[in-house]
Amino acid sequence: MKRLTEYLECAHRPETGTMVCRWLREVTPAEMRTSYEYLRVEAQGLGARLWLLDIRRRNNEDPETAQWLLDNYMPQLAGLFGGPSFLAYLLSPAHLVRVDDHAMDILHVAQLQRSVHVALFIEEGGANAWLVQQAGK
């Protein structure tokens, strides 16, 4: 794993073309935006359109950052990789229960754009299997 910041580390799995990123602690909204920008730059440099995002330690929901993801970040991803991007979020079971309607709106709109596909998982094996399945799309 390559540490991008003191709170985010990422690795590229070339055999599947997957970028794996893990937040190491809870982050502020500013740190979260910085994390996503670092991730975009790293993934774009590698041509990695499959992402496994482990947010089990991050475990915070910020409505403003969620809106930023929807309005600014995800639309940027649409044209970066020459095809759709697939984001598998790995959450703790407790976090999954707390995911509110706003987060679900983000997932819905992202799916409608057909350029960024998002799925939520509580087990890494399921997230990896979904990403491998998406690799051919």
N, C-alpha and C. Protein backbone atom coordinates (compact mmCIF):
# COMPACT_ATOMS: atom_id res chain seq x y z
N MET A 1 0.84 -1.19 0.00
CA MET A 1 0.00 0.00 0.00
C MET A 1 0.88 1.25 0.00
N LYS A 2 0.48 2.19 -0.79
CA LYS A 2 1.16 3.48 -0.86
C LYS A 2 0.36 4.48 -0.04
N ARG A 3 1.00 5.09 0.92
CA ARG A 3 0.31 6.07 1.75
C ARG A 3 0.27 7.39 0.99
N LEU A 4 -0.95 7.85 0.68
CA LEU A 4 -1.12 9.11 -0.04
C LEU A 4 -1.16 10.29 0.93
N THR A 5 -1.73 10.07 2.09
CA THR A 5 -1.78 11.07 3.15
C THR A 5 -1.63 10.31 4.45
N GLU A 6 -1.64 11.02 5.57
CA GLU A 6 -1.55 10.32 6.86
C GLU A 6 -2.83 9.55 7.18
N TYR A 7 -3.88 9.75 6.39
CA TYR A 7 -5.15 9.08 6.67
C TYR A 7 -5.66 8.24 5.51
N LEU A 8 -4.92 8.13 4.41
CA LEU A 8 -5.37 7.35 3.26
C LEU A 8 -4.19 6.61 2.64
N GLU A 9 -4.39 5.31 2.41
CA GLU A 9 -3.39 4.54 1.67
C GLU A 9 -4.07 3.78 0.55
N CYS A 10 -3.35 3.64 -0.56
CA CYS A 10 -3.90 3.01 -1.75
C CYS A 10 -2.90 2.04 -2.36
N ALA A 11 -3.43 1.08 -3.07
CA ALA A 11 -2.60 0.14 -3.81
C ALA A 11 -3.32 -0.17 -5.11
N HIS A 12 -2.54 -0.48 -6.13
CA HIS A 12 -3.11 -0.87 -7.42
C HIS A 12 -2.91 -2.37 -7.58
N ARG A 13 -3.98 -3.06 -7.93
CA ARG A 13 -3.91 -4.48 -8.22
C ARG A 13 -3.93 -4.64 -9.74
N PRO A 14 -2.75 -4.73 -10.36
CA PRO A 14 -2.71 -4.75 -11.83
C PRO A 14 -3.40 -5.96 -12.44
N GLU A 15 -3.46 -7.08 -11.71
CA GLU A 15 -4.10 -8.28 -12.26
C GLU A 15 -5.59 -8.09 -12.49
N THR A 16 -6.21 -7.20 -11.74
CA THR A 16 -7.64 -6.92 -11.94
C THR A 16 -7.88 -5.48 -12.36
N GLY A 17 -6.85 -4.64 -12.34
CA GLY A 17 -7.01 -3.23 -12.67
C GLY A 17 -7.74 -2.46 -11.60
N THR A 18 -7.70 -2.95 -10.37
CA THR A 18 -8.44 -2.35 -9.27
C THR A 18 -7.55 -1.45 -8.42
N MET A 19 -8.06 -0.28 -8.09
CA MET A 19 -7.42 0.61 -7.13
C MET A 19 -8.09 0.34 -5.77
N VAL A 20 -7.30 -0.02 -4.78
CA VAL A 20 -7.81 -0.31 -3.44
C VAL A 20 -7.33 0.81 -2.53
N CYS A 21 -8.28 1.48 -1.87
CA CYS A 21 -7.93 2.56 -0.95
C CYS A 21 -8.61 2.34 0.38
N ARG A 22 -7.84 2.60 1.43
CA ARG A 22 -8.35 2.44 2.80
C ARG A 22 -8.10 3.72 3.58
N TRP A 23 -9.18 4.22 4.16
CA TRP A 23 -9.03 5.34 5.09
C TRP A 23 -8.59 4.75 6.41
N LEU A 24 -7.63 5.39 7.06
CA LEU A 24 -7.01 4.85 8.27
C LEU A 24 -7.64 5.39 9.55
N ARG A 25 -8.46 6.41 9.41
CA ARG A 25 -9.11 7.01 10.57
C ARG A 25 -10.28 7.86 10.08
N GLU A 26 -11.06 8.37 11.02
CA GLU A 26 -12.10 9.32 10.64
C GLU A 26 -11.42 10.58 10.11
N VAL A 27 -12.08 11.22 9.16
CA VAL A 27 -11.49 12.40 8.53
C VAL A 27 -12.47 13.56 8.57
N THR A 28 -11.92 14.75 8.45
CA THR A 28 -12.75 15.94 8.35
C THR A 28 -13.31 16.02 6.93
N PRO A 29 -14.32 16.84 6.72
CA PRO A 29 -14.81 17.02 5.34
C PRO A 29 -13.72 17.48 4.38
N ALA A 30 -12.84 18.37 4.81
CA ALA A 30 -11.76 18.82 3.93
C ALA A 30 -10.81 17.68 3.61
N GLU A 31 -10.49 16.87 4.60
CA GLU A 31 -9.61 15.72 4.37
C GLU A 31 -10.26 14.70 3.43
N MET A 32 -11.57 14.55 3.56
CA MET A 32 -12.26 13.60 2.69
C MET A 32 -12.17 14.06 1.23
N ARG A 33 -12.39 15.34 0.99
CA ARG A 33 -12.29 15.86 -0.38
C ARG A 33 -10.87 15.69 -0.92
N THR A 34 -9.90 16.00 -0.07
CA THR A 34 -8.50 15.82 -0.47
C THR A 34 -8.23 14.36 -0.80
N SER A 35 -8.76 13.45 0.00
CA SER A 35 -8.59 12.02 -0.24
C SER A 35 -9.11 11.63 -1.62
N TYR A 36 -10.30 12.07 -1.93
CA TYR A 36 -10.90 11.71 -3.22
C TYR A 36 -10.13 12.32 -4.39
N GLU A 37 -9.57 13.52 -4.19
CA GLU A 37 -8.78 14.12 -5.26
C GLU A 37 -7.48 13.34 -5.48
N TYR A 38 -6.81 12.94 -4.40
CA TYR A 38 -5.62 12.10 -4.52
C TYR A 38 -5.96 10.80 -5.23
N LEU A 39 -7.05 10.21 -4.84
CA LEU A 39 -7.47 8.94 -5.44
C LEU A 39 -7.72 9.10 -6.94
N ARG A 40 -8.39 10.16 -7.32
CA ARG A 40 -8.67 10.39 -8.74
C ARG A 40 -7.38 10.51 -9.54
N VAL A 41 -6.42 11.27 -9.03
CA VAL A 41 -5.15 11.45 -9.72
C VAL A 41 -4.41 10.13 -9.85
N GLU A 42 -4.33 9.38 -8.75
CA GLU A 42 -3.65 8.08 -8.77
C GLU A 42 -4.33 7.12 -9.76
N ALA A 43 -5.63 7.02 -9.67
CA ALA A 43 -6.37 6.09 -10.54
C ALA A 43 -6.26 6.49 -12.00
N GLN A 44 -6.32 7.79 -12.27
CA GLN A 44 -6.22 8.25 -13.64
C GLN A 44 -4.84 7.92 -14.21
N GLY A 45 -3.80 8.10 -13.42
CA GLY A 45 -2.46 7.78 -13.86
C GLY A 45 -2.28 6.31 -14.20
N LEU A 46 -3.03 5.45 -13.52
CA LEU A 46 -2.95 4.01 -13.74
C LEU A 46 -4.03 3.49 -14.68
N GLY A 47 -4.98 4.34 -15.02
CA GLY A 47 -6.10 3.89 -15.85
C GLY A 47 -7.00 2.92 -15.11
N ALA A 48 -7.09 3.07 -13.79
CA ALA A 48 -7.86 2.15 -12.95
C ALA A 48 -9.28 2.67 -12.77
N ARG A 49 -10.24 2.03 -13.41
CA ARG A 49 -11.64 2.45 -13.30
C ARG A 49 -12.43 1.60 -12.32
N LEU A 50 -11.78 0.62 -11.70
CA LEU A 50 -12.39 -0.21 -10.66
C LEU A 50 -11.77 0.18 -9.32
N TRP A 51 -12.63 0.57 -8.36
CA TRP A 51 -12.13 1.04 -7.07
C TRP A 51 -12.78 0.27 -5.94
N LEU A 52 -11.98 -0.17 -5.01
CA LEU A 52 -12.47 -0.71 -3.75
C LEU A 52 -12.12 0.32 -2.69
N LEU A 53 -13.14 0.92 -2.09
CA LEU A 53 -12.96 2.01 -1.13
C LEU A 53 -13.38 1.51 0.25
N ASP A 54 -12.40 1.27 1.10
CA ASP A 54 -12.63 0.75 2.45
C ASP A 54 -12.83 1.94 3.38
N ILE A 55 -14.08 2.18 3.75
CA ILE A 55 -14.39 3.33 4.61
C ILE A 55 -14.81 2.87 6.01
N ARG A 56 -14.44 1.65 6.37
CA ARG A 56 -14.84 1.14 7.69
C ARG A 56 -14.28 1.96 8.83
N ARG A 57 -13.09 2.48 8.70
CA ARG A 57 -12.51 3.30 9.77
C ARG A 57 -12.94 4.76 9.67
N ARG A 58 -13.34 5.16 8.48
CA ARG A 58 -13.76 6.55 8.26
C ARG A 58 -15.10 6.80 8.92
N ASN A 59 -16.06 5.96 8.66
CA ASN A 59 -17.35 5.92 9.35
C ASN A 59 -17.99 7.26 9.68
N ASN A 60 -17.87 8.24 8.82
CA ASN A 60 -18.57 9.49 9.07
C ASN A 60 -19.35 9.89 7.83
N GLU A 61 -20.47 10.49 8.04
CA GLU A 61 -21.31 10.96 6.94
C GLU A 61 -21.43 12.47 7.05
N ASP A 62 -21.05 13.15 6.02
CA ASP A 62 -21.14 14.60 5.97
C ASP A 62 -22.01 14.97 4.77
N PRO A 63 -23.19 15.54 4.99
CA PRO A 63 -24.10 15.87 3.88
C PRO A 63 -23.48 16.77 2.82
N GLU A 64 -22.67 17.75 3.22
CA GLU A 64 -22.06 18.65 2.24
C GLU A 64 -21.07 17.90 1.35
N THR A 65 -20.29 17.02 1.95
CA THR A 65 -19.33 16.25 1.15
C THR A 65 -20.07 15.27 0.25
N ALA A 66 -21.14 14.69 0.75
CA ALA A 66 -21.94 13.78 -0.08
C ALA A 66 -22.49 14.53 -1.29
N GLN A 67 -22.94 15.77 -1.08
CA GLN A 67 -23.44 16.57 -2.20
C GLN A 67 -22.32 16.91 -3.17
N TRP A 68 -21.14 17.21 -2.64
CA TRP A 68 -19.98 17.49 -3.50
C TRP A 68 -19.64 16.26 -4.35
N LEU A 69 -19.70 15.07 -3.74
CA LEU A 69 -19.44 13.84 -4.50
C LEU A 69 -20.42 13.72 -5.66
N LEU A 70 -21.67 14.01 -5.39
CA LEU A 70 -22.72 13.89 -6.40
C LEU A 70 -22.60 14.96 -7.48
N ASP A 71 -22.44 16.20 -7.08
CA ASP A 71 -22.49 17.32 -8.03
C ASP A 71 -21.18 17.56 -8.78
N ASN A 72 -20.06 17.28 -8.14
CA ASN A 72 -18.77 17.63 -8.73
C ASN A 72 -17.89 16.42 -9.04
N TYR A 73 -17.70 15.59 -8.05
CA TYR A 73 -16.69 14.54 -8.18
C TYR A 73 -17.10 13.43 -9.15
N MET A 74 -18.27 12.86 -8.94
CA MET A 74 -18.69 11.76 -9.80
C MET A 74 -18.85 12.17 -11.27
N PRO A 75 -19.38 13.35 -11.56
CA PRO A 75 -19.41 13.76 -12.96
C PRO A 75 -18.01 13.87 -13.59
N GLN A 76 -17.01 14.25 -12.80
CA GLN A 76 -15.63 14.29 -13.31
C GLN A 76 -15.14 12.91 -13.71
N LEU A 77 -15.55 11.90 -12.96
CA LEU A 77 -15.10 10.54 -13.24
C LEU A 77 -15.62 10.04 -14.58
N ALA A 78 -16.76 10.55 -14.98
CA ALA A 78 -17.45 10.04 -16.16
C ALA A 78 -16.56 9.99 -17.39
N GLY A 79 -15.73 11.00 -17.60
CA GLY A 79 -14.94 11.03 -18.82
C GLY A 79 -13.49 10.64 -18.68
N LEU A 80 -13.09 10.17 -17.51
CA LEU A 80 -11.67 9.95 -17.28
C LEU A 80 -11.11 8.64 -17.83
N PHE A 81 -11.92 7.61 -17.91
CA PHE A 81 -11.38 6.28 -18.15
C PHE A 81 -11.84 5.63 -19.45
N GLY A 82 -12.54 6.34 -20.29
CA GLY A 82 -12.98 5.77 -21.55
C GLY A 82 -14.04 4.70 -21.38
N GLY A 83 -14.73 4.71 -20.29
CA GLY A 83 -15.79 3.75 -19.99
C GLY A 83 -16.26 4.00 -18.58
N PRO A 84 -17.26 3.26 -18.14
CA PRO A 84 -17.80 3.49 -16.80
C PRO A 84 -16.79 3.16 -15.71
N SER A 85 -16.93 3.84 -14.58
CA SER A 85 -16.15 3.55 -13.38
C SER A 85 -17.03 2.75 -12.43
N PHE A 86 -16.40 1.89 -11.64
CA PHE A 86 -17.13 1.06 -10.69
C PHE A 86 -16.50 1.24 -9.32
N LEU A 87 -17.31 1.70 -8.36
CA LEU A 87 -16.84 1.98 -7.01
C LEU A 87 -17.54 1.04 -6.04
N ALA A 88 -16.77 0.17 -5.40
CA ALA A 88 -17.29 -0.74 -4.38
C ALA A 88 -16.87 -0.18 -3.03
N TYR A 89 -17.86 0.24 -2.24
CA TYR A 89 -17.59 0.78 -0.91
C TYR A 89 -17.70 -0.35 0.10
N LEU A 90 -16.67 -0.49 0.94
CA LEU A 90 -16.65 -1.47 2.01
C LEU A 90 -16.95 -0.75 3.32
N LEU A 91 -18.10 -1.08 3.92
CA LEU A 91 -18.57 -0.42 5.14
C LEU A 91 -18.66 -1.42 6.27
N SER A 92 -18.62 -0.94 7.50
CA SER A 92 -18.92 -1.79 8.64
C SER A 92 -20.43 -2.02 8.66
N PRO A 93 -20.88 -3.12 9.25
CA PRO A 93 -22.34 -3.34 9.33
C PRO A 93 -23.07 -2.18 10.01
N ALA A 94 -22.49 -1.63 11.06
CA ALA A 94 -23.13 -0.51 11.76
C ALA A 94 -23.21 0.72 10.86
N HIS A 95 -22.19 0.95 10.07
CA HIS A 95 -22.18 2.09 9.15
C HIS A 95 -23.23 1.91 8.06
N LEU A 96 -23.35 0.70 7.56
CA LEU A 96 -24.33 0.43 6.52
C LEU A 96 -25.75 0.75 7.02
N VAL A 97 -26.01 0.43 8.27
CA VAL A 97 -27.33 0.72 8.85
C VAL A 97 -27.56 2.22 8.92
N ARG A 98 -26.48 2.99 9.13
CA ARG A 98 -26.61 4.45 9.28
C ARG A 98 -26.65 5.20 7.96
N VAL A 99 -26.37 4.52 6.86
CA VAL A 99 -26.38 5.21 5.57
C VAL A 99 -27.78 5.80 5.37
N ASP A 100 -27.83 7.10 5.18
CA ASP A 100 -29.13 7.76 5.12
C ASP A 100 -29.65 7.86 3.69
N ASP A 101 -30.85 8.40 3.55
CA ASP A 101 -31.49 8.53 2.25
C ASP A 101 -30.66 9.37 1.29
N HIS A 102 -29.95 10.37 1.81
CA HIS A 102 -29.14 11.23 0.94
C HIS A 102 -28.05 10.41 0.25
N ALA A 103 -27.39 9.56 1.01
CA ALA A 103 -26.36 8.70 0.41
C ALA A 103 -26.98 7.79 -0.64
N MET A 104 -28.16 7.30 -0.39
CA MET A 104 -28.82 6.45 -1.37
C MET A 104 -29.17 7.24 -2.62
N ASP A 105 -29.51 8.54 -2.47
CA ASP A 105 -29.75 9.39 -3.63
C ASP A 105 -28.50 9.48 -4.50
N ILE A 106 -27.34 9.59 -3.87
CA ILE A 106 -26.08 9.65 -4.61
C ILE A 106 -25.90 8.37 -5.42
N LEU A 107 -26.15 7.23 -4.78
CA LEU A 107 -26.01 5.96 -5.49
C LEU A 107 -26.97 5.91 -6.68
N HIS A 108 -28.19 6.34 -6.46
CA HIS A 108 -29.20 6.28 -7.51
C HIS A 108 -28.82 7.17 -8.70
N VAL A 109 -28.45 8.41 -8.42
CA VAL A 109 -28.10 9.32 -9.50
C VAL A 109 -26.86 8.84 -10.22
N ALA A 110 -25.88 8.34 -9.48
CA ALA A 110 -24.67 7.83 -10.12
C ALA A 110 -25.01 6.69 -11.07
N GLN A 111 -25.90 5.79 -10.65
CA GLN A 111 -26.29 4.68 -11.51
C GLN A 111 -27.01 5.21 -12.76
N LEU A 112 -27.85 6.22 -12.59
CA LEU A 112 -28.59 6.77 -13.72
C LEU A 112 -27.66 7.39 -14.75
N GLN A 113 -26.56 7.93 -14.30
CA GLN A 113 -25.62 8.53 -15.24
C GLN A 113 -24.95 7.47 -16.10
N ARG A 114 -25.02 6.23 -15.67
CA ARG A 114 -24.43 5.10 -16.39
C ARG A 114 -22.93 5.25 -16.63
N SER A 115 -22.33 6.15 -15.92
CA SER A 115 -20.90 6.36 -16.06
C SER A 115 -20.14 6.02 -14.79
N VAL A 116 -20.83 6.06 -13.67
CA VAL A 116 -20.24 5.71 -12.38
C VAL A 116 -21.23 4.77 -11.69
N HIS A 117 -20.79 3.56 -11.41
CA HIS A 117 -21.64 2.58 -10.77
C HIS A 117 -21.11 2.32 -9.37
N VAL A 118 -22.00 2.38 -8.39
CA VAL A 118 -21.61 2.28 -6.99
C VAL A 118 -22.36 1.13 -6.34
N ALA A 119 -21.64 0.37 -5.52
CA ALA A 119 -22.27 -0.70 -4.75
C ALA A 119 -21.68 -0.68 -3.33
N LEU A 120 -22.49 -1.09 -2.36
CA LEU A 120 -22.09 -1.11 -0.96
C LEU A 120 -21.94 -2.56 -0.49
N PHE A 121 -20.88 -2.81 0.29
CA PHE A 121 -20.59 -4.15 0.79
C PHE A 121 -20.13 -4.10 2.23
N ILE A 122 -20.34 -5.19 2.95
CA ILE A 122 -19.78 -5.31 4.29
C ILE A 122 -18.68 -6.37 4.34
N GLU A 123 -18.47 -7.09 3.23
CA GLU A 123 -17.41 -8.09 3.15
C GLU A 123 -16.54 -7.80 1.94
N GLU A 124 -15.23 -7.84 2.15
CA GLU A 124 -14.29 -7.51 1.08
C GLU A 124 -14.37 -8.52 -0.06
N GLY A 125 -14.62 -9.77 0.26
CA GLY A 125 -14.72 -10.79 -0.79
C GLY A 125 -15.83 -10.48 -1.77
N GLY A 126 -16.98 -10.08 -1.26
CA GLY A 126 -18.10 -9.72 -2.13
C GLY A 126 -17.80 -8.50 -2.97
N ALA A 127 -17.12 -7.51 -2.38
CA ALA A 127 -16.75 -6.31 -3.11
C ALA A 127 -15.78 -6.65 -4.25
N ASN A 128 -14.79 -7.48 -3.95
CA ASN A 128 -13.82 -7.87 -4.98
C ASN A 128 -14.50 -8.67 -6.09
N ALA A 129 -15.38 -9.56 -5.72
CA ALA A 129 -16.08 -10.37 -6.74
C ALA A 129 -16.90 -9.47 -7.66
N TRP A 130 -17.59 -8.49 -7.09
CA TRP A 130 -18.38 -7.57 -7.90
C TRP A 130 -17.49 -6.79 -8.86
N LEU A 131 -16.35 -6.31 -8.37
CA LEU A 131 -15.44 -5.55 -9.21
C LEU A 131 -14.89 -6.40 -10.35
N VAL A 132 -14.51 -7.62 -10.06
CA VAL A 132 -14.00 -8.52 -11.11
C VAL A 132 -15.08 -8.74 -12.16
N GLN A 133 -16.33 -8.91 -11.71
CA GLN A 133 -17.45 -9.09 -12.64
C GLN A 133 -17.62 -7.86 -13.53
N GLN A 134 -17.39 -6.68 -12.98
CA GLN A 134 -17.57 -5.44 -13.73
C GLN A 134 -16.43 -5.18 -14.71
N ALA A 135 -15.30 -5.82 -14.51
CA ALA A 135 -14.10 -5.54 -15.31
C ALA A 135 -14.35 -5.70 -16.79
N GLY A 136 -15.23 -6.60 -17.17
CA GLY A 136 -15.51 -6.84 -18.58
C GLY A 136 -16.51 -5.89 -19.19
N LYS A 137 -17.06 -4.98 -18.41
CA LYS A 137 -18.10 -4.07 -18.91
C LYS A 137 -17.52 -2.78 -19.41
